[in-house]
């Protein structure tokens, strides 16, 4: 399988970003909270935004407003064994 890295600082792949999104991470901030992607140099944030797109996400509006109960709610990191 060909791995396409989105975040070279933390070794996060496109597949991992998509898996986090499938589990409810709707924003780059939420992806960062579960994977650290985008928290070092920041060069991958636009790419993460592109992967997430503008699809429907029930928590996106609240998360974008900074609601602390929504940011990271129910999101957990994907264990390395599952992410590979």
PDB file of N, CA and C in Angstrom:
ATOM      1  N   UNK A   1       0.844  -1.186   0.000  1.00  0.00           N
ATOM      2  CA  UNK A   1       0.000   0.000   0.000  1.00  0.00           C
ATOM      3  C   UNK A   1       0.882   1.240   0.000  1.00  0.00           C
ATOM      4  N   UNK A   2       0.531   2.200  -0.813  1.00  0.00           N
ATOM      5  CA  UNK A   2       1.300   3.428  -0.933  1.00  0.00           C
ATOM      6  C   UNK A   2       0.858   4.429   0.136  1.00  0.00           C
ATOM      7  N   UNK A   3       1.777   4.838   0.974  1.00  0.00           N
ATOM      8  CA  UNK A   3       1.460   5.803   2.029  1.00  0.00           C
ATOM      9  C   UNK A   3       1.764   7.207   1.542  1.00  0.00           C
ATOM     10  N   UNK A   4       0.777   8.075   1.617  1.00  0.00           N
ATOM     11  CA  UNK A   4       0.954   9.476   1.257  1.00  0.00           C
ATOM     12  C   UNK A   4       0.923  10.267   2.554  1.00  0.00           C
ATOM     13  N   UNK A   5       2.063  10.846   2.897  1.00  0.00           N
ATOM     14  CA  UNK A   5       2.152  11.587   4.148  1.00  0.00           C
ATOM     15  C   UNK A   5       1.603  12.995   3.996  1.00  0.00           C
ATOM     16  N   UNK A   6       0.756  13.358   4.942  1.00  0.00           N
ATOM     17  CA  UNK A   6       0.194  14.704   4.994  1.00  0.00           C
ATOM     18  C   UNK A   6       1.058  15.554   5.910  1.00  0.00           C
ATOM     19  N   UNK A   7       1.411  14.986   7.056  1.00  0.00           N
ATOM     20  CA  UNK A   7       2.214  15.685   8.060  1.00  0.00           C
ATOM     21  C   UNK A   7       3.531  14.940   8.232  1.00  0.00           C
ATOM     22  N   UNK A   8       4.583  15.510   7.674  1.00  0.00           N
ATOM     23  CA  UNK A   8       5.881  14.849   7.788  1.00  0.00           C
ATOM     24  C   UNK A   8       6.487  15.042   9.175  1.00  0.00           C
ATOM     25  N   UNK A   9       6.072  16.064   9.900  1.00  0.00           N
ATOM     26  CA  UNK A   9       6.595  16.285  11.252  1.00  0.00           C
ATOM     27  C   UNK A   9       6.240  15.131  12.183  1.00  0.00           C
ATOM     28  N   UNK A  10       5.018  14.600  12.050  1.00  0.00           N
ATOM     29  CA  UNK A  10       4.553  13.533  12.931  1.00  0.00           C
ATOM     30  C   UNK A  10       4.232  12.239  12.200  1.00  0.00           C
ATOM     31  N   UNK A  11       4.526  12.171  10.897  1.00  0.00           N
ATOM     32  CA  UNK A  11       4.316  10.944  10.142  1.00  0.00           C
ATOM     33  C   UNK A  11       2.865  10.548   9.995  1.00  0.00           C
ATOM     34  N   UNK A  12       1.988  11.534   9.815  1.00  0.00           N
ATOM     35  CA  UNK A  12       0.552  11.268   9.674  1.00  0.00           C
ATOM     36  C   UNK A  12       0.205  11.167   8.187  1.00  0.00           C
ATOM     37  N   UNK A  13      -0.482  10.090   7.836  1.00  0.00           N
ATOM     38  CA  UNK A  13      -0.825   9.844   6.435  1.00  0.00           C
ATOM     39  C   UNK A  13      -2.230  10.349   6.102  1.00  0.00           C
ATOM     40  N   UNK A  14      -2.485  10.426   4.788  1.00  0.00           N
ATOM     41  CA  UNK A  14      -3.834  10.784   4.322  1.00  0.00           C
ATOM     42  C   UNK A  14      -4.853   9.804   4.876  1.00  0.00           C
ATOM     43  N   UNK A  15      -4.500   8.531   4.863  1.00  0.00           N
ATOM     44  CA  UNK A  15      -5.416   7.495   5.356  1.00  0.00           C
ATOM     45  C   UNK A  15      -5.761   7.748   6.821  1.00  0.00           C
ATOM     46  N   UNK A  16      -4.782   8.107   7.628  1.00  0.00           N
ATOM     47  CA  UNK A  16      -5.044   8.369   9.042  1.00  0.00           C
ATOM     48  C   UNK A  16      -5.969   9.574   9.208  1.00  0.00           C
ATOM     49  N   UNK A  17      -5.754  10.624   8.423  1.00  0.00           N
ATOM     50  CA  UNK A  17      -6.631  11.802   8.496  1.00  0.00           C
ATOM     51  C   UNK A  17      -8.053  11.395   8.141  1.00  0.00           C
ATOM     52  N   UNK A  18      -8.207  10.605   7.091  1.00  0.00           N
ATOM     53  CA  UNK A  18      -9.547  10.151   6.675  1.00  0.00           C
ATOM     54  C   UNK A  18     -10.193   9.282   7.755  1.00  0.00           C
ATOM     55  N   UNK A  19      -9.403   8.426   8.408  1.00  0.00           N
ATOM     56  CA  UNK A  19      -9.947   7.576   9.472  1.00  0.00           C
ATOM     57  C   UNK A  19     -10.399   8.419  10.663  1.00  0.00           C
ATOM     58  N   UNK A  20      -9.618   9.430  11.009  1.00  0.00           N
ATOM     59  CA  UNK A  20     -10.025  10.333  12.095  1.00  0.00           C
ATOM     60  C   UNK A  20     -11.305  11.075  11.705  1.00  0.00           C
ATOM     61  N   UNK A  21     -11.390  11.488  10.449  1.00  0.00           N
ATOM     62  CA  UNK A  21     -12.593  12.180   9.974  1.00  0.00           C
ATOM     63  C   UNK A  21     -13.801  11.247  10.041  1.00  0.00           C
ATOM     64  N   UNK A  22     -13.608   9.992   9.659  1.00  0.00           N
ATOM     65  CA  UNK A  22     -14.703   9.023   9.724  1.00  0.00           C
ATOM     66  C   UNK A  22     -15.185   8.817  11.154  1.00  0.00           C
ATOM     67  N   UNK A  23     -14.297   9.036  12.113  1.00  0.00           N
ATOM     68  CA  UNK A  23     -14.648   8.880  13.533  1.00  0.00           C
ATOM     69  C   UNK A  23     -15.172  10.174  14.149  1.00  0.00           C
ATOM     70  N   UNK A  24     -15.273  11.245  13.348  1.00  0.00           N
ATOM     71  CA  UNK A  24     -15.910  12.454  13.848  1.00  0.00           C
ATOM     72  C   UNK A  24     -15.060  13.709  13.900  1.00  0.00           C
ATOM     73  N   UNK A  25     -13.797  13.638  13.535  1.00  0.00           N
ATOM     74  CA  UNK A  25     -12.958  14.847  13.523  1.00  0.00           C
ATOM     75  C   UNK A  25     -13.301  15.645  12.265  1.00  0.00           C
ATOM     76  N   UNK A  26     -13.916  16.800  12.453  1.00  0.00           N
ATOM     77  CA  UNK A  26     -14.443  17.567  11.328  1.00  0.00           C
ATOM     78  C   UNK A  26     -13.567  18.748  10.931  1.00  0.00           C
ATOM     79  N   UNK A  27     -12.650  19.127  11.763  1.00  0.00           N
ATOM     80  CA  UNK A  27     -11.843  20.318  11.517  1.00  0.00           C
ATOM     81  C   UNK A  27     -10.362  20.002  11.684  1.00  0.00           C
ATOM     82  N   UNK A  28      -9.491  20.812  11.095  1.00  0.00           N
ATOM     83  CA  UNK A  28      -8.060  20.618  11.310  1.00  0.00           C
ATOM     84  C   UNK A  28      -7.695  20.648  12.798  1.00  0.00           C
ATOM     85  N   UNK A  29      -8.370  21.455  13.568  1.00  0.00           N
ATOM     86  CA  UNK A  29      -8.111  21.520  15.010  1.00  0.00           C
ATOM     87  C   UNK A  29      -8.422  20.182  15.680  1.00  0.00           C
ATOM     88  N   UNK A  30      -9.506  19.547  15.275  1.00  0.00           N
ATOM     89  CA  UNK A  30      -9.857  18.248  15.843  1.00  0.00           C
ATOM     90  C   UNK A  30      -8.894  17.171  15.377  1.00  0.00           C
ATOM     91  N   UNK A  31      -8.459  17.235  14.130  1.00  0.00           N
ATOM     92  CA  UNK A  31      -7.438  16.299  13.640  1.00  0.00           C
ATOM     93  C   UNK A  31      -6.169  16.483  14.464  1.00  0.00           C
ATOM     94  N   UNK A  32      -5.799  17.725  14.730  1.00  0.00           N
ATOM     95  CA  UNK A  32      -4.604  18.002  15.534  1.00  0.00           C
ATOM     96  C   UNK A  32      -4.733  17.449  16.942  1.00  0.00           C
ATOM     97  N   UNK A  33      -5.923  17.521  17.513  1.00  0.00           N
ATOM     98  CA  UNK A  33      -6.094  17.063  18.892  1.00  0.00           C
ATOM     99  C   UNK A  33      -5.944  15.553  19.022  1.00  0.00           C
ATOM    100  N   UNK A  34      -6.204  14.806  17.958  1.00  0.00           N
ATOM    101  CA  UNK A  34      -6.092  13.354  18.035  1.00  0.00           C
ATOM    102  C   UNK A  34      -4.817  12.799  17.396  1.00  0.00           C
ATOM    103  N   UNK A  35      -4.095  13.640  16.627  1.00  0.00           N
ATOM    104  CA  UNK A  35      -2.935  13.102  15.919  1.00  0.00           C
ATOM    105  C   UNK A  35      -1.688  13.983  15.963  1.00  0.00           C
ATOM    106  N   UNK A  36      -1.820  15.211  16.422  1.00  0.00           N
ATOM    107  CA  UNK A  36      -0.755  16.221  16.428  1.00  0.00           C
ATOM    108  C   UNK A  36      -0.492  16.825  15.054  1.00  0.00           C
ATOM    109  N   UNK A  37      -1.095  16.284  13.990  1.00  0.00           N
ATOM    110  CA  UNK A  37      -0.875  16.816  12.643  1.00  0.00           C
ATOM    111  C   UNK A  37      -1.243  18.293  12.604  1.00  0.00           C
ATOM    112  N   UNK A  38      -0.345  19.102  12.089  1.00  0.00           N
ATOM    113  CA  UNK A  38      -0.585  20.534  11.968  1.00  0.00           C
ATOM    114  C   UNK A  38      -0.161  21.352  13.165  1.00  0.00           C
ATOM    115  N   UNK A  39       0.413  20.705  14.181  1.00  0.00           N
ATOM    116  CA  UNK A  39       0.753  21.442  15.401  1.00  0.00           C
ATOM    117  C   UNK A  39       2.221  21.843  15.487  1.00  0.00           C
ATOM    118  N   UNK A  40       3.044  21.411  14.530  1.00  0.00           N
ATOM    119  CA  UNK A  40       4.459  21.789  14.583  1.00  0.00           C
ATOM    120  C   UNK A  40       4.717  22.915  13.585  1.00  0.00           C
ATOM    121  N   UNK A  41       5.067  22.596  12.369  1.00  0.00           N
ATOM    122  CA  UNK A  41       5.383  23.656  11.399  1.00  0.00           C
ATOM    123  C   UNK A  41       4.133  24.246  10.760  1.00  0.00           C
ATOM    124  N   UNK A  42       3.031  23.487  10.731  1.00  0.00           N
ATOM    125  CA  UNK A  42       1.766  23.990  10.200  1.00  0.00           C
ATOM    126  C   UNK A  42       1.620  23.919   8.700  1.00  0.00           C
ATOM    127  N   UNK A  43       2.626  23.417   7.996  1.00  0.00           N
ATOM    128  CA  UNK A  43       2.545  23.409   6.533  1.00  0.00           C
ATOM    129  C   UNK A  43       1.492  22.436   6.000  1.00  0.00           C
ATOM    130  N   UNK A  44       1.007  21.517   6.818  1.00  0.00           N
ATOM    131  CA  UNK A  44       0.031  20.523   6.356  1.00  0.00           C
ATOM    132  C   UNK A  44      -1.421  20.937   6.597  1.00  0.00           C
ATOM    133  N   UNK A  45      -1.644  22.043   7.262  1.00  0.00           N
ATOM    134  CA  UNK A  45      -3.011  22.417   7.640  1.00  0.00           C
ATOM    135  C   UNK A  45      -3.911  22.598   6.419  1.00  0.00           C
ATOM    136  N   UNK A  46      -3.420  23.232   5.388  1.00  0.00           N
ATOM    137  CA  UNK A  46      -4.250  23.411   4.181  1.00  0.00           C
ATOM    138  C   UNK A  46      -4.561  22.072   3.522  1.00  0.00           C
ATOM    139  N   UNK A  47      -3.608  21.181   3.533  1.00  0.00           N
ATOM    140  CA  UNK A  47      -3.837  19.853   2.961  1.00  0.00           C
ATOM    141  C   UNK A  47      -4.893  19.101   3.767  1.00  0.00           C
ATOM    142  N   UNK A  48      -4.817  19.209   5.082  1.00  0.00           N
ATOM    143  CA  UNK A  48      -5.821  18.580   5.944  1.00  0.00           C
ATOM    144  C   UNK A  48      -7.199  19.171   5.653  1.00  0.00           C
ATOM    145  N   UNK A  49      -7.258  20.498   5.499  1.00  0.00           N
ATOM    146  CA  UNK A  49      -8.530  21.143   5.162  1.00  0.00           C
ATOM    147  C   UNK A  49      -9.079  20.596   3.857  1.00  0.00           C
ATOM    148  N   UNK A  50      -8.204  20.385   2.883  1.00  0.00           N
ATOM    149  CA  UNK A  50      -8.628  19.844   1.599  1.00  0.00           C
ATOM    150  C   UNK A  50      -9.168  18.433   1.714  1.00  0.00           C
ATOM    151  N   UNK A  51      -8.538  17.620   2.555  1.00  0.00           N
ATOM    152  CA  UNK A  51      -9.001  16.247   2.756  1.00  0.00           C
ATOM    153  C   UNK A  51     -10.363  16.244   3.437  1.00  0.00           C
ATOM    154  N   UNK A  52     -10.517  17.110   4.426  1.00  0.00           N
ATOM    155  CA  UNK A  52     -11.790  17.175   5.152  1.00  0.00           C
ATOM    156  C   UNK A  52     -12.893  17.755   4.294  1.00  0.00           C
ATOM    157  N   UNK A  53     -12.555  18.665   3.409  1.00  0.00           N
ATOM    158  CA  UNK A  53     -13.531  19.287   2.529  1.00  0.00           C
ATOM    159  C   UNK A  53     -14.557  20.097   3.302  1.00  0.00           C
ATOM    160  N   UNK A  54     -15.655  20.324   2.671  1.00  0.00           N
ATOM    161  CA  UNK A  54     -16.731  21.099   3.295  1.00  0.00           C
ATOM    162  C   UNK A  54     -17.985  20.269   3.432  1.00  0.00           C
ATOM    163  N   UNK A  55     -17.815  18.973   3.612  1.00  0.00           N
ATOM    164  CA  UNK A  55     -18.953  18.075   3.765  1.00  0.00           C
ATOM    165  C   UNK A  55     -19.730  18.370   5.034  1.00  0.00           C
ATOM    166  N   UNK A  56     -20.869  17.772   5.130  1.00  0.00           N
ATOM    167  CA  UNK A  56     -21.716  17.963   6.301  1.00  0.00           C
ATOM    168  C   UNK A  56     -21.052  17.359   7.531  1.00  0.00           C
ATOM    169  N   UNK A  57     -21.032  18.120   8.585  1.00  0.00           N
ATOM    170  CA  UNK A  57     -20.500  17.644   9.850  1.00  0.00           C
ATOM    171  C   UNK A  57     -21.324  18.287  10.951  1.00  0.00           C
ATOM    172  N   UNK A  58     -22.020  17.496  11.736  1.00  0.00           N
ATOM    173  CA  UNK A  58     -22.925  18.061  12.737  1.00  0.00           C
ATOM    174  C   UNK A  58     -22.248  18.946  13.768  1.00  0.00           C
ATOM    175  N   UNK A  59     -20.955  18.697  14.041  1.00  0.00           N
ATOM    176  CA  UNK A  59     -20.285  19.492  15.076  1.00  0.00           C
ATOM    177  C   UNK A  59     -19.409  20.593  14.513  1.00  0.00           C
ATOM    178  N   UNK A  60     -19.264  20.700  13.185  1.00  0.00           N
ATOM    179  CA  UNK A  60     -18.328  21.659  12.594  1.00  0.00           C
ATOM    180  C   UNK A  60     -18.615  23.088  13.044  1.00  0.00           C
ATOM    181  N   UNK A  61     -19.858  23.510  12.977  1.00  0.00           N
ATOM    182  CA  UNK A  61     -20.191  24.892  13.324  1.00  0.00           C
ATOM    183  C   UNK A  61     -19.840  25.190  14.777  1.00  0.00           C
ATOM    184  N   UNK A  62     -20.196  24.303  15.686  1.00  0.00           N
ATOM    185  CA  UNK A  62     -19.878  24.512  17.095  1.00  0.00           C
ATOM    186  C   UNK A  62     -18.379  24.462  17.340  1.00  0.00           C
ATOM    187  N   UNK A  63     -17.681  23.548  16.663  1.00  0.00           N
ATOM    188  CA  UNK A  63     -16.233  23.430  16.835  1.00  0.00           C
ATOM    189  C   UNK A  63     -15.539  24.689  16.331  1.00  0.00           C
ATOM    190  N   UNK A  64     -15.995  25.210  15.184  1.00  0.00           N
ATOM    191  CA  UNK A  64     -15.393  26.421  14.638  1.00  0.00           C
ATOM    192  C   UNK A  64     -15.612  27.621  15.551  1.00  0.00           C
ATOM    193  N   UNK A  65     -16.655  27.575  16.376  1.00  0.00           N
ATOM    194  CA  UNK A  65     -16.917  28.652  17.319  1.00  0.00           C
ATOM    195  C   UNK A  65     -16.122  28.481  18.606  1.00  0.00           C
ATOM    196  N   UNK A  66     -15.411  27.360  18.730  1.00  0.00           N
ATOM    197  CA  UNK A  66     -14.572  27.126  19.891  1.00  0.00           C
ATOM    198  C   UNK A  66     -15.284  26.554  21.092  1.00  0.00           C
ATOM    199  N   UNK A  67     -16.420  25.942  20.890  1.00  0.00           N
ATOM    200  CA  UNK A  67     -17.162  25.339  21.994  1.00  0.00           C
ATOM    201  C   UNK A  67     -16.314  24.236  22.621  1.00  0.00           C
ATOM    202  N   UNK A  68     -15.881  24.389  23.878  1.00  0.00           N
ATOM    203  CA  UNK A  68     -14.988  23.402  24.500  1.00  0.00           C
ATOM    204  C   UNK A  68     -15.610  22.029  24.671  1.00  0.00           C
ATOM    205  N   UNK A  69     -16.930  21.939  24.728  1.00  0.00           N
ATOM    206  CA  UNK A  69     -17.569  20.632  24.862  1.00  0.00           C
ATOM    207  C   UNK A  69     -17.568  19.876  23.550  1.00  0.00           C
ATOM    208  N   UNK A  70     -17.359  20.584  22.443  1.00  0.00           N
ATOM    209  CA  UNK A  70     -17.371  19.957  21.128  1.00  0.00           C
ATOM    210  C   UNK A  70     -15.963  19.634  20.674  1.00  0.00           C
ATOM    211  N   UNK A  71     -15.011  20.495  20.962  1.00  0.00           N
ATOM    212  CA  UNK A  71     -13.647  20.287  20.503  1.00  0.00           C
ATOM    213  C   UNK A  71     -13.087  19.008  21.094  1.00  0.00           C
ATOM    214  N   UNK A  72     -12.821  18.067  20.243  1.00  0.00           N
ATOM    215  CA  UNK A  72     -12.249  16.803  20.673  1.00  0.00           C
ATOM    216  C   UNK A  72     -13.220  15.862  21.355  1.00  0.00           C
ATOM    217  N   UNK A  73     -14.476  16.210  21.415  1.00  0.00           N
ATOM    218  CA  UNK A  73     -15.460  15.367  22.112  1.00  0.00           C
ATOM    219  C   UNK A  73     -15.562  14.004  21.446  1.00  0.00           C
ATOM    220  N   UNK A  74     -15.294  12.988  22.233  1.00  0.00           N
ATOM    221  CA  UNK A  74     -15.439  11.634  21.740  1.00  0.00           C
ATOM    222  C   UNK A  74     -14.387  11.198  20.746  1.00  0.00           C
ATOM    223  N   UNK A  75     -13.368  11.997  20.518  1.00  0.00           N
ATOM    224  CA  UNK A  75     -12.350  11.648  19.547  1.00  0.00           C
ATOM    225  C   UNK A  75     -11.165  11.033  20.269  1.00  0.00           C
ATOM    226  N   UNK A  76     -10.676   9.966  19.717  1.00  0.00           N
ATOM    227  CA  UNK A  76      -9.500   9.328  20.282  1.00  0.00           C
ATOM    228  C   UNK A  76      -8.518   9.031  19.170  1.00  0.00           C
ATOM    229  N   UNK A  77      -7.273   8.993  19.530  1.00  0.00           N
ATOM    230  CA  UNK A  77      -6.237   8.701  18.547  1.00  0.00           C
ATOM    231  C   UNK A  77      -6.379   7.267  18.053  1.00  0.00           C
ATOM    232  N   UNK A  78      -6.007   7.050  16.804  1.00  0.00           N
ATOM    233  CA  UNK A  78      -6.013   5.714  16.233  1.00  0.00           C
ATOM    234  C   UNK A  78      -4.702   5.052  16.650  1.00  0.00           C
ATOM    235  N   UNK A  79      -4.768   3.900  17.307  1.00  0.00           N
ATOM    236  CA  UNK A  79      -3.534   3.217  17.676  1.00  0.00           C
ATOM    237  C   UNK A  79      -2.687   2.929  16.458  1.00  0.00           C
ATOM    238  N   UNK A  80      -1.377   3.010  16.574  1.00  0.00           N
ATOM    239  CA  UNK A  80      -0.460   2.825  15.454  1.00  0.00           C
ATOM    240  C   UNK A  80      -0.710   1.514  14.720  1.00  0.00           C
ATOM    241  N   UNK A  81      -1.027   0.446  15.420  1.00  0.00           N
ATOM    242  CA  UNK A  81      -1.246  -0.851  14.777  1.00  0.00           C
ATOM    243  C   UNK A  81      -2.417  -0.800  13.820  1.00  0.00           C
ATOM    244  N   UNK A  82      -3.458  -0.034  14.161  1.00  0.00           N
ATOM    245  CA  UNK A  82      -4.622   0.086  13.288  1.00  0.00           C
ATOM    246  C   UNK A  82      -4.367   1.075  12.164  1.00  0.00           C
ATOM    247  N   UNK A  83      -3.546   2.090  12.418  1.00  0.00           N
ATOM    248  CA  UNK A  83      -3.318   3.149  11.454  1.00  0.00           C
ATOM    249  C   UNK A  83      -2.449   2.676  10.296  1.00  0.00           C
ATOM    250  N   UNK A  84      -1.618   1.720  10.515  1.00  0.00           N
ATOM    251  CA  UNK A  84      -0.677   1.262   9.477  1.00  0.00           C
ATOM    252  C   UNK A  84      -1.341   0.467   8.398  1.00  0.00           C
TER     253      UNK A  84
END
